[in-house]
Amino acid sequence: MAGMIDLVFERQGINLALLHDELTAVLGGKLVGLSQDGRAVRVHLLDSSTPDERKTVGEIVARHDGSRFTAAQQAERERQAALEALRKPWAQWSAADKDALLRLLAGELGLAVS
C-alpha cells in the first residue's frame, strides 16, 4: 500500500484551488491534496514521488500567485457580480437585466446559452 509524505512551506496568501490545479498539472496522481493553517501550506504527496518532483513542488509553491483565480473561481465571481447587478426593484429592470437573469438561470440548469 502506498504511503504519503507531507511537504510544508511557510507561505501565506495561498489560493488552494489554484495551487492544487498548478500542482496537479505537474504531478498528476502523485498529489494527494493540500491543506493550510494560515501561516503555511502543506502539500500531501504519495511517497513514491521523486526528489526532483519534490523540488518542483517547492518551486511551484514559491512562484504561486494567490491573487489569481481558477477558471471556476472567476466564473463564480462573474456570476455573483451579475446577480448583484440585478438586486434592484423589478420596476427598474431593463430588457438587458431580464436577459441577464435568463442567462444566469439557463447556466444553473445546464442549458447551453450563446
N, C-alpha and C. Protein backbone atom coordinates (compact mmCIF):
# COMPACT_ATOMS: atom_id res chain seq x y z
N MET A 1 0.84 -1.18 0.00
CA MET A 1 0.00 0.00 0.00
C MET A 1 0.89 1.24 0.00
N ALA A 2 0.54 2.20 -0.83
CA ALA A 2 1.33 3.42 -0.96
C ALA A 2 1.16 4.29 0.28
N GLY A 3 2.26 4.91 0.67
CA GLY A 3 2.24 5.84 1.78
C GLY A 3 2.17 7.27 1.29
N MET A 4 2.20 8.18 2.24
CA MET A 4 2.10 9.59 1.92
C MET A 4 3.14 10.36 2.70
N ILE A 5 3.65 11.43 2.10
CA ILE A 5 4.54 12.35 2.79
C ILE A 5 3.95 13.75 2.70
N ASP A 6 4.36 14.60 3.60
CA ASP A 6 3.93 16.00 3.60
C ASP A 6 5.14 16.89 3.42
N LEU A 7 5.00 17.86 2.53
CA LEU A 7 5.99 18.92 2.40
C LEU A 7 5.34 20.18 2.93
N VAL A 8 6.01 20.86 3.84
CA VAL A 8 5.44 22.05 4.47
C VAL A 8 6.24 23.26 4.04
N PHE A 9 5.51 24.30 3.61
CA PHE A 9 6.14 25.55 3.15
C PHE A 9 5.51 26.70 3.90
N GLU A 10 6.36 27.50 4.55
CA GLU A 10 5.88 28.71 5.21
C GLU A 10 5.46 29.68 4.11
N ARG A 11 4.16 29.89 4.00
CA ARG A 11 3.65 30.69 2.90
C ARG A 11 2.24 31.13 3.23
N GLN A 12 1.97 32.41 3.04
CA GLN A 12 0.62 32.95 3.26
C GLN A 12 0.07 33.41 1.91
N GLY A 13 -1.20 33.74 1.89
CA GLY A 13 -1.81 34.24 0.67
C GLY A 13 -1.96 33.19 -0.42
N ILE A 14 -2.26 31.98 -0.02
CA ILE A 14 -2.39 30.87 -0.95
C ILE A 14 -3.85 30.75 -1.42
N ASN A 15 -4.03 30.57 -2.70
CA ASN A 15 -5.33 30.19 -3.26
C ASN A 15 -5.24 28.68 -3.45
N LEU A 16 -5.79 27.92 -2.50
CA LEU A 16 -5.63 26.46 -2.52
C LEU A 16 -6.13 25.82 -3.80
N ALA A 17 -7.25 26.29 -4.32
CA ALA A 17 -7.80 25.68 -5.55
C ALA A 17 -6.84 25.90 -6.72
N LEU A 18 -6.31 27.10 -6.84
CA LEU A 18 -5.37 27.38 -7.93
C LEU A 18 -4.07 26.61 -7.75
N LEU A 19 -3.53 26.59 -6.53
CA LEU A 19 -2.30 25.85 -6.28
C LEU A 19 -2.51 24.37 -6.55
N HIS A 20 -3.66 23.85 -6.18
CA HIS A 20 -3.97 22.45 -6.46
C HIS A 20 -3.93 22.19 -7.97
N ASP A 21 -4.54 23.07 -8.75
CA ASP A 21 -4.51 22.92 -10.21
C ASP A 21 -3.09 22.97 -10.75
N GLU A 22 -2.30 23.91 -10.23
CA GLU A 22 -0.91 24.07 -10.69
C GLU A 22 -0.09 22.81 -10.39
N LEU A 23 -0.26 22.28 -9.19
CA LEU A 23 0.49 21.08 -8.81
C LEU A 23 -0.01 19.84 -9.54
N THR A 24 -1.31 19.72 -9.71
CA THR A 24 -1.86 18.57 -10.42
C THR A 24 -1.37 18.53 -11.86
N ALA A 25 -1.22 19.69 -12.48
CA ALA A 25 -0.74 19.74 -13.86
C ALA A 25 0.65 19.11 -14.00
N VAL A 26 1.45 19.18 -12.94
CA VAL A 26 2.82 18.66 -12.98
C VAL A 26 2.90 17.26 -12.37
N LEU A 27 2.19 17.04 -11.27
CA LEU A 27 2.34 15.79 -10.52
C LEU A 27 1.29 14.73 -10.83
N GLY A 28 0.18 15.15 -11.39
CA GLY A 28 -0.89 14.20 -11.67
C GLY A 28 -1.35 13.50 -10.41
N GLY A 29 -1.43 12.18 -10.46
CA GLY A 29 -1.94 11.38 -9.36
C GLY A 29 -1.03 11.27 -8.16
N LYS A 30 0.18 11.81 -8.24
CA LYS A 30 1.08 11.77 -7.08
C LYS A 30 0.71 12.82 -6.03
N LEU A 31 -0.09 13.80 -6.45
CA LEU A 31 -0.58 14.80 -5.50
C LEU A 31 -1.81 14.23 -4.80
N VAL A 32 -1.73 14.13 -3.49
CA VAL A 32 -2.85 13.61 -2.70
C VAL A 32 -3.78 14.75 -2.31
N GLY A 33 -3.21 15.91 -1.97
CA GLY A 33 -4.03 17.04 -1.58
C GLY A 33 -3.21 18.15 -0.96
N LEU A 34 -3.90 19.18 -0.51
CA LEU A 34 -3.28 20.35 0.11
C LEU A 34 -4.05 20.72 1.37
N SER A 35 -3.37 21.37 2.29
CA SER A 35 -4.03 21.97 3.44
C SER A 35 -3.22 23.18 3.86
N GLN A 36 -3.84 24.05 4.61
CA GLN A 36 -3.13 25.24 5.09
C GLN A 36 -3.66 25.63 6.45
N ASP A 37 -2.82 26.36 7.18
CA ASP A 37 -3.23 26.81 8.51
C ASP A 37 -3.12 28.32 8.65
N GLY A 38 -2.96 29.04 7.55
CA GLY A 38 -2.84 30.49 7.60
C GLY A 38 -1.40 30.96 7.58
N ARG A 39 -0.48 30.16 8.07
CA ARG A 39 0.94 30.51 8.06
C ARG A 39 1.72 29.68 7.06
N ALA A 40 1.22 28.47 6.79
CA ALA A 40 1.96 27.54 5.94
C ALA A 40 0.99 26.73 5.10
N VAL A 41 1.51 26.20 4.02
CA VAL A 41 0.75 25.28 3.19
C VAL A 41 1.43 23.92 3.28
N ARG A 42 0.62 22.89 3.37
CA ARG A 42 1.12 21.52 3.46
C ARG A 42 0.69 20.81 2.18
N VAL A 43 1.67 20.25 1.47
CA VAL A 43 1.42 19.52 0.23
C VAL A 43 1.55 18.04 0.54
N HIS A 44 0.48 17.30 0.32
CA HIS A 44 0.44 15.86 0.60
C HIS A 44 0.73 15.11 -0.70
N LEU A 45 1.81 14.33 -0.70
CA LEU A 45 2.24 13.58 -1.88
C LEU A 45 2.34 12.10 -1.57
N LEU A 46 2.19 11.29 -2.62
CA LEU A 46 2.50 9.88 -2.46
C LEU A 46 3.99 9.76 -2.18
N ASP A 47 4.37 8.80 -1.35
CA ASP A 47 5.79 8.67 -1.02
C ASP A 47 6.60 8.15 -2.21
N SER A 48 5.93 7.78 -3.29
CA SER A 48 6.64 7.37 -4.50
C SER A 48 7.12 8.56 -5.33
N SER A 49 6.82 9.79 -4.89
CA SER A 49 7.29 10.97 -5.61
C SER A 49 8.81 11.03 -5.53
N THR A 50 9.41 11.54 -6.59
CA THR A 50 10.87 11.58 -6.68
C THR A 50 11.41 12.86 -6.05
N PRO A 51 12.70 12.89 -5.74
CA PRO A 51 13.30 14.13 -5.23
C PRO A 51 13.13 15.30 -6.21
N ASP A 52 13.21 15.04 -7.50
CA ASP A 52 13.00 16.11 -8.48
C ASP A 52 11.57 16.64 -8.42
N GLU A 53 10.61 15.75 -8.26
CA GLU A 53 9.21 16.18 -8.16
C GLU A 53 9.01 17.00 -6.89
N ARG A 54 9.65 16.62 -5.81
CA ARG A 54 9.52 17.37 -4.56
C ARG A 54 10.15 18.75 -4.69
N LYS A 55 11.26 18.82 -5.41
CA LYS A 55 11.90 20.12 -5.67
C LYS A 55 10.97 20.99 -6.51
N THR A 56 10.34 20.39 -7.51
CA THR A 56 9.41 21.12 -8.37
C THR A 56 8.23 21.66 -7.56
N VAL A 57 7.75 20.88 -6.59
CA VAL A 57 6.67 21.35 -5.72
C VAL A 57 7.10 22.64 -5.02
N GLY A 58 8.30 22.66 -4.48
CA GLY A 58 8.80 23.86 -3.80
C GLY A 58 8.87 25.05 -4.73
N GLU A 59 9.29 24.83 -5.96
CA GLU A 59 9.37 25.92 -6.94
C GLU A 59 7.97 26.45 -7.29
N ILE A 60 7.03 25.54 -7.45
CA ILE A 60 5.66 25.96 -7.79
C ILE A 60 5.05 26.74 -6.63
N VAL A 61 5.24 26.27 -5.41
CA VAL A 61 4.70 26.97 -4.24
C VAL A 61 5.36 28.35 -4.13
N ALA A 62 6.66 28.45 -4.39
CA ALA A 62 7.36 29.73 -4.26
C ALA A 62 6.86 30.76 -5.27
N ARG A 63 6.54 30.32 -6.48
CA ARG A 63 6.12 31.30 -7.50
C ARG A 63 4.60 31.44 -7.59
N HIS A 64 3.87 30.72 -6.75
CA HIS A 64 2.40 30.77 -6.76
C HIS A 64 1.90 32.18 -6.48
N ASP A 65 0.95 32.64 -7.27
CA ASP A 65 0.32 33.95 -7.10
C ASP A 65 -1.10 33.73 -6.58
N GLY A 66 -1.27 33.87 -5.29
CA GLY A 66 -2.55 33.63 -4.65
C GLY A 66 -3.63 34.64 -4.99
N SER A 67 -3.28 35.72 -5.68
CA SER A 67 -4.28 36.71 -6.06
C SER A 67 -4.98 36.33 -7.37
N ARG A 68 -4.46 35.33 -8.06
CA ARG A 68 -5.09 34.87 -9.30
C ARG A 68 -6.20 33.88 -8.96
N PHE A 69 -7.06 33.61 -9.93
CA PHE A 69 -8.20 32.72 -9.73
C PHE A 69 -8.19 31.59 -10.75
N THR A 70 -8.78 30.47 -10.36
CA THR A 70 -9.01 29.40 -11.33
C THR A 70 -10.14 29.85 -12.25
N ALA A 71 -10.32 29.15 -13.35
CA ALA A 71 -11.41 29.49 -14.26
C ALA A 71 -12.76 29.36 -13.55
N ALA A 72 -12.91 28.33 -12.73
CA ALA A 72 -14.17 28.14 -11.99
C ALA A 72 -14.40 29.27 -10.98
N GLN A 73 -13.34 29.69 -10.29
CA GLN A 73 -13.48 30.79 -9.33
C GLN A 73 -13.84 32.09 -10.05
N GLN A 74 -13.22 32.34 -11.19
CA GLN A 74 -13.51 33.56 -11.95
C GLN A 74 -14.95 33.54 -12.45
N ALA A 75 -15.40 32.39 -12.93
CA ALA A 75 -16.79 32.27 -13.39
C ALA A 75 -17.76 32.54 -12.25
N GLU A 76 -17.45 32.04 -11.06
CA GLU A 76 -18.32 32.28 -9.90
C GLU A 76 -18.32 33.76 -9.51
N ARG A 77 -17.17 34.40 -9.57
CA ARG A 77 -17.11 35.84 -9.27
C ARG A 77 -17.97 36.63 -10.26
N GLU A 78 -17.90 36.25 -11.52
CA GLU A 78 -18.71 36.93 -12.55
C GLU A 78 -20.19 36.67 -12.33
N ARG A 79 -20.54 35.45 -11.94
CA ARG A 79 -21.93 35.12 -11.67
C ARG A 79 -22.46 35.93 -10.49
N GLN A 80 -21.64 36.03 -9.44
CA GLN A 80 -22.05 36.82 -8.27
C GLN A 80 -22.21 38.30 -8.63
N ALA A 81 -21.31 38.83 -9.46
CA ALA A 81 -21.41 40.23 -9.88
C ALA A 81 -22.68 40.46 -10.70
N ALA A 82 -23.00 39.51 -11.57
CA ALA A 82 -24.22 39.62 -12.37
C ALA A 82 -25.45 39.58 -11.49
N LEU A 83 -25.45 38.71 -10.48
CA LEU A 83 -26.58 38.66 -9.55
C LEU A 83 -26.70 39.96 -8.75
N GLU A 84 -25.57 40.47 -8.32
CA GLU A 84 -25.59 41.72 -7.55
C GLU A 84 -26.17 42.87 -8.37
N ALA A 85 -25.85 42.90 -9.66
CA ALA A 85 -26.37 43.96 -10.54
C ALA A 85 -27.89 43.88 -10.67
N LEU A 86 -28.46 42.72 -10.40
CA LEU A 86 -29.91 42.55 -10.51
C LEU A 86 -30.65 42.84 -9.22
N ARG A 87 -29.93 43.16 -8.17
CA ARG A 87 -30.56 43.43 -6.87
C ARG A 87 -31.10 44.86 -6.85
N LYS A 88 -32.24 45.01 -7.48
CA LYS A 88 -32.93 46.31 -7.52
C LYS A 88 -34.41 46.03 -7.75
N PRO A 89 -35.25 47.00 -7.49
CA PRO A 89 -36.69 46.77 -7.69
C PRO A 89 -37.00 46.36 -9.14
N TRP A 90 -37.97 45.47 -9.28
CA TRP A 90 -38.36 44.95 -10.59
C TRP A 90 -38.69 46.08 -11.57
N ALA A 91 -39.30 47.12 -11.09
CA ALA A 91 -39.70 48.24 -11.96
C ALA A 91 -38.50 48.92 -12.61
N GLN A 92 -37.32 48.75 -12.02
CA GLN A 92 -36.11 49.37 -12.57
C GLN A 92 -35.37 48.45 -13.54
N TRP A 93 -35.85 47.25 -13.71
CA TRP A 93 -35.16 46.30 -14.58
C TRP A 93 -35.35 46.67 -16.04
N SER A 94 -34.28 46.59 -16.78
CA SER A 94 -34.33 46.82 -18.22
C SER A 94 -34.49 45.46 -18.93
N ALA A 95 -34.68 45.52 -20.22
CA ALA A 95 -34.74 44.28 -21.01
C ALA A 95 -33.41 43.53 -20.89
N ALA A 96 -32.30 44.25 -20.82
CA ALA A 96 -30.98 43.62 -20.68
C ALA A 96 -30.86 42.91 -19.33
N ASP A 97 -31.45 43.50 -18.28
CA ASP A 97 -31.43 42.86 -16.96
C ASP A 97 -32.20 41.54 -17.00
N LYS A 98 -33.36 41.56 -17.64
CA LYS A 98 -34.17 40.34 -17.74
C LYS A 98 -33.44 39.28 -18.55
N ASP A 99 -32.78 39.70 -19.60
CA ASP A 99 -31.99 38.76 -20.41
C ASP A 99 -30.84 38.18 -19.57
N ALA A 100 -30.20 39.02 -18.77
CA ALA A 100 -29.11 38.55 -17.92
C ALA A 100 -29.61 37.51 -16.93
N LEU A 101 -30.79 37.74 -16.36
CA LEU A 101 -31.36 36.77 -15.43
C LEU A 101 -31.64 35.44 -16.13
N LEU A 102 -32.20 35.50 -17.32
CA LEU A 102 -32.47 34.26 -18.06
C LEU A 102 -31.18 33.51 -18.38
N ARG A 103 -30.12 34.23 -18.69
CA ARG A 103 -28.83 33.58 -18.96
C ARG A 103 -28.28 32.91 -17.69
N LEU A 104 -28.40 33.60 -16.56
CA LEU A 104 -27.96 33.01 -15.29
C LEU A 104 -28.75 31.75 -14.96
N LEU A 105 -30.06 31.82 -15.13
CA LEU A 105 -30.90 30.66 -14.85
C LEU A 105 -30.60 29.50 -15.80
N ALA A 106 -30.40 29.81 -17.07
CA ALA A 106 -30.07 28.77 -18.04
C ALA A 106 -28.74 28.11 -17.67
N GLY A 107 -27.77 28.89 -17.23
CA GLY A 107 -26.50 28.34 -16.80
C GLY A 107 -26.65 27.42 -15.60
N GLU A 108 -27.50 27.80 -14.66
CA GLU A 108 -27.74 26.98 -13.47
C GLU A 108 -28.41 25.66 -13.85
N LEU A 109 -29.21 25.68 -14.91
CA LEU A 109 -29.91 24.48 -15.35
C LEU A 109 -29.08 23.65 -16.33
N GLY A 110 -27.88 24.14 -16.64
CA GLY A 110 -27.02 23.41 -17.55
C GLY A 110 -27.41 23.52 -19.00
N LEU A 111 -28.16 24.55 -19.33
CA LEU A 111 -28.59 24.77 -20.72
C LEU A 111 -27.54 25.59 -21.45
N ALA A 112 -27.24 25.24 -22.66
CA ALA A 112 -26.26 25.99 -23.45
C ALA A 112 -26.84 27.34 -23.82
N VAL A 113 -26.07 28.39 -23.59
CA VAL A 113 -26.50 29.75 -23.90
C VAL A 113 -25.41 30.37 -24.77
N SER A 114 -25.81 30.91 -25.89
CA SER A 114 -24.79 31.57 -26.74
C SER A 114 -24.88 33.06 -26.65
